[in-house]
Amino acid sequence: MEGEITPFLWTTIIGLWVWLMFVLGHYAADIGADKKDDVELTAVFPATGEAKSCKVNKHELQSSYRPLRYAAFCVFIGGCIGMAVAAVNAGYLN
């Protein structure tokens, strides 16, 4: 059973984690936006320790990763379906 379901289990866990990160990022942009709907993004470069910031419109930011959010949710659902099919094929859900 473990050998058949494990890949789908990892797919489901990773898909759920990525989807949740996109959803939380969506609401973080809503919370962190100023009156002009701008969000300040900061990137830190580990090699130099230097940080750079820029302002991005929250609507543009949210719409840019919307397809990725939907794709991550589809991967999560696909992993759930794959686990169910693998369990049925292994004879655990008869």
C-alpha atoms as a PDB file:
ATOM      1  CA  MET A   1       0.000   0.000   0.000  1.00  0.00           C
ATOM      2  CA  GLU A   2       2.730   2.491   0.923  1.00  0.00           C
ATOM      3  CA  GLY A   3       4.502   2.187  -2.409  1.00  0.00           C
ATOM      4  CA  GLU A   4       1.317   2.884  -4.345  1.00  0.00           C
ATOM      5  CA  ILE A   5      -0.059   5.772  -2.307  1.00  0.00           C
ATOM      6  CA  THR A   6       3.135   7.559  -1.215  1.00  0.00           C
ATOM      7  CA  PRO A   7       3.692   9.539  -4.460  1.00  0.00           C
ATOM      8  CA  PHE A   8       0.103  10.770  -4.369  1.00  0.00           C
ATOM      9  CA  LEU A   9       0.436  11.612  -0.674  1.00  0.00           C
ATOM     10  CA  TRP A  10       3.488  13.790  -1.327  1.00  0.00           C
ATOM     11  CA  THR A  11       1.787  15.391  -4.331  1.00  0.00           C
ATOM     12  CA  THR A  12      -1.219  16.207  -2.157  1.00  0.00           C
ATOM     13  CA  ILE A  13       0.853  17.630   0.705  1.00  0.00           C
ATOM     14  CA  ILE A  14       3.027  19.779  -1.559  1.00  0.00           C
ATOM     15  CA  GLY A  15       0.044  20.927  -3.639  1.00  0.00           C
ATOM     16  CA  LEU A  16      -1.852  21.920  -0.489  1.00  0.00           C
ATOM     17  CA  TRP A  17       1.163  23.782   0.921  1.00  0.00           C
ATOM     18  CA  VAL A  18       1.772  25.737  -2.310  1.00  0.00           C
ATOM     19  CA  TRP A  19      -1.935  26.569  -2.659  1.00  0.00           C
ATOM     20  CA  LEU A  20      -2.108  27.805   0.934  1.00  0.00           C
ATOM     21  CA  MET A  21       0.970  29.989   0.425  1.00  0.00           C
ATOM     22  CA  PHE A  22      -0.685  31.639  -2.587  1.00  0.00           C
ATOM     23  CA  VAL A  23      -3.945  32.140  -0.675  1.00  0.00           C
ATOM     24  CA  LEU A  24      -2.148  33.601   2.338  1.00  0.00           C
ATOM     25  CA  GLY A  25      -0.113  35.832   0.033  1.00  0.00           C
ATOM     26  CA  HIS A  26      -3.342  37.079  -1.531  1.00  0.00           C
ATOM     27  CA  TYR A  27      -4.753  38.132   1.832  1.00  0.00           C
ATOM     28  CA  ALA A  28      -1.405  39.493   3.023  1.00  0.00           C
ATOM     29  CA  ALA A  29      -1.442  41.823   0.013  1.00  0.00           C
ATOM     30  CA  ASP A  30      -4.946  42.952   1.019  1.00  0.00           C
ATOM     31  CA  ILE A  31      -3.833  43.625   4.590  1.00  0.00           C
ATOM     32  CA  GLY A  32      -0.511  45.286   3.717  1.00  0.00           C
ATOM     33  CA  ALA A  33      -1.828  47.619   1.010  1.00  0.00           C
ATOM     34  CA  ASP A  34      -1.792  51.353   1.568  1.00  0.00           C
ATOM     35  CA  LYS A  35      -4.525  53.837   0.524  1.00  0.00           C
ATOM     36  CA  LYS A  36      -3.420  53.701  -3.141  1.00  0.00           C
ATOM     37  CA  ASP A  37      -3.556  49.870  -3.103  1.00  0.00           C
ATOM     38  CA  ASP A  38       0.235  49.621  -3.321  1.00  0.00           C
ATOM     39  CA  VAL A  39       2.162  46.850  -1.580  1.00  0.00           C
ATOM     40  CA  GLU A  40       5.863  47.133  -0.779  1.00  0.00           C
ATOM     41  CA  LEU A  41       7.797  44.035  -1.802  1.00  0.00           C
ATOM     42  CA  THR A  42      11.277  43.460  -0.403  1.00  0.00           C
ATOM     43  CA  ALA A  43      13.841  40.991  -1.718  1.00  0.00           C
ATOM     44  CA  VAL A  44      16.988  40.134   0.252  1.00  0.00           C
ATOM     45  CA  PHE A  45      19.995  38.824  -1.631  1.00  0.00           C
ATOM     46  CA  PRO A  46      21.734  36.303   0.654  1.00  0.00           C
ATOM     47  CA  ALA A  47      25.127  36.534  -1.030  1.00  0.00           C
ATOM     48  CA  THR A  48      25.480  40.255  -0.354  1.00  0.00           C
ATOM     49  CA  GLY A  49      22.953  40.774   2.442  1.00  0.00           C
ATOM     50  CA  GLU A  50      21.541  43.645   0.436  1.00  0.00           C
ATOM     51  CA  ALA A  51      17.783  44.312   0.407  1.00  0.00           C
ATOM     52  CA  LYS A  52      15.848  46.005  -2.376  1.00  0.00           C
ATOM     53  CA  SER A  53      12.256  47.196  -2.133  1.00  0.00           C
ATOM     54  CA  CYS A  54       9.701  48.255  -4.689  1.00  0.00           C
ATOM     55  CA  LYS A  55       6.024  49.166  -4.646  1.00  0.00           C
ATOM     56  CA  VAL A  56       3.588  47.087  -6.697  1.00  0.00           C
ATOM     57  CA  ASN A  57      -0.141  47.557  -7.168  1.00  0.00           C
ATOM     58  CA  LYS A  58      -1.897  44.817  -5.196  1.00  0.00           C
ATOM     59  CA  HIS A  59      -4.406  44.098  -7.977  1.00  0.00           C
ATOM     60  CA  GLU A  60      -1.627  43.534 -10.522  1.00  0.00           C
ATOM     61  CA  LEU A  61       0.261  41.367  -8.039  1.00  0.00           C
ATOM     62  CA  GLN A  62      -2.768  39.242  -7.187  1.00  0.00           C
ATOM     63  CA  SER A  63      -3.816  38.785 -10.812  1.00  0.00           C
ATOM     64  CA  SER A  64      -0.285  37.779 -11.838  1.00  0.00           C
ATOM     65  CA  TYR A  65      -0.260  34.657  -9.666  1.00  0.00           C
ATOM     66  CA  ARG A  66      -3.963  33.755  -9.871  1.00  0.00           C
ATOM     67  CA  PRO A  67      -3.370  31.033 -12.521  1.00  0.00           C
ATOM     68  CA  LEU A  68      -0.641  29.519 -10.335  1.00  0.00           C
ATOM     69  CA  ARG A  69      -3.011  29.478  -7.386  1.00  0.00           C
ATOM     70  CA  TYR A  70      -5.628  27.596  -9.411  1.00  0.00           C
ATOM     71  CA  ALA A  71      -3.005  25.192 -10.753  1.00  0.00           C
ATOM     72  CA  ALA A  72      -1.752  24.410  -7.232  1.00  0.00           C
ATOM     73  CA  PHE A  73      -5.312  23.672  -6.117  1.00  0.00           C
ATOM     74  CA  CYS A  74      -5.770  21.335  -9.103  1.00  0.00           C
ATOM     75  CA  VAL A  75      -2.550  19.496  -8.157  1.00  0.00           C
ATOM     76  CA  PHE A  76      -3.882  19.101  -4.614  1.00  0.00           C
ATOM     77  CA  ILE A  77      -7.224  17.716  -5.838  1.00  0.00           C
ATOM     78  CA  GLY A  78      -5.408  15.438  -8.312  1.00  0.00           C
ATOM     79  CA  GLY A  79      -3.296  14.030  -5.483  1.00  0.00           C
ATOM     80  CA  CYS A  80      -6.423  13.331  -3.429  1.00  0.00           C
ATOM     81  CA  ILE A  81      -8.061  11.539  -6.358  1.00  0.00           C
ATOM     82  CA  GLY A  82      -4.853   9.602  -7.052  1.00  0.00           C
ATOM     83  CA  MET A  83      -4.672   8.424  -3.436  1.00  0.00           C
ATOM     84  CA  ALA A  84      -8.287   7.271  -3.554  1.00  0.00           C
ATOM     85  CA  VAL A  85      -7.752   5.381  -6.822  1.00  0.00           C
ATOM     86  CA  ALA A  86      -4.539   3.784  -5.529  1.00  0.00           C
ATOM     87  CA  ALA A  87      -6.289   2.702  -2.321  1.00  0.00           C
ATOM     88  CA  VAL A  88      -9.163   1.145  -4.283  1.00  0.00           C
ATOM     89  CA  ASN A  89      -6.761  -0.649  -6.623  1.00  0.00           C
ATOM     90  CA  ALA A  90      -4.809  -1.985  -3.632  1.00  0.00           C
ATOM     91  CA  GLY A  91      -8.022  -3.367  -2.145  1.00  0.00           C
ATOM     92  CA  TYR A  92      -8.150  -1.145   0.945  1.00  0.00           C
ATOM     93  CA  LEU A  93     -11.455   0.581   0.177  1.00  0.00           C
ATOM     94  CA  ASN A  94     -13.626  -2.320  -0.979  1.00  0.00           C
END
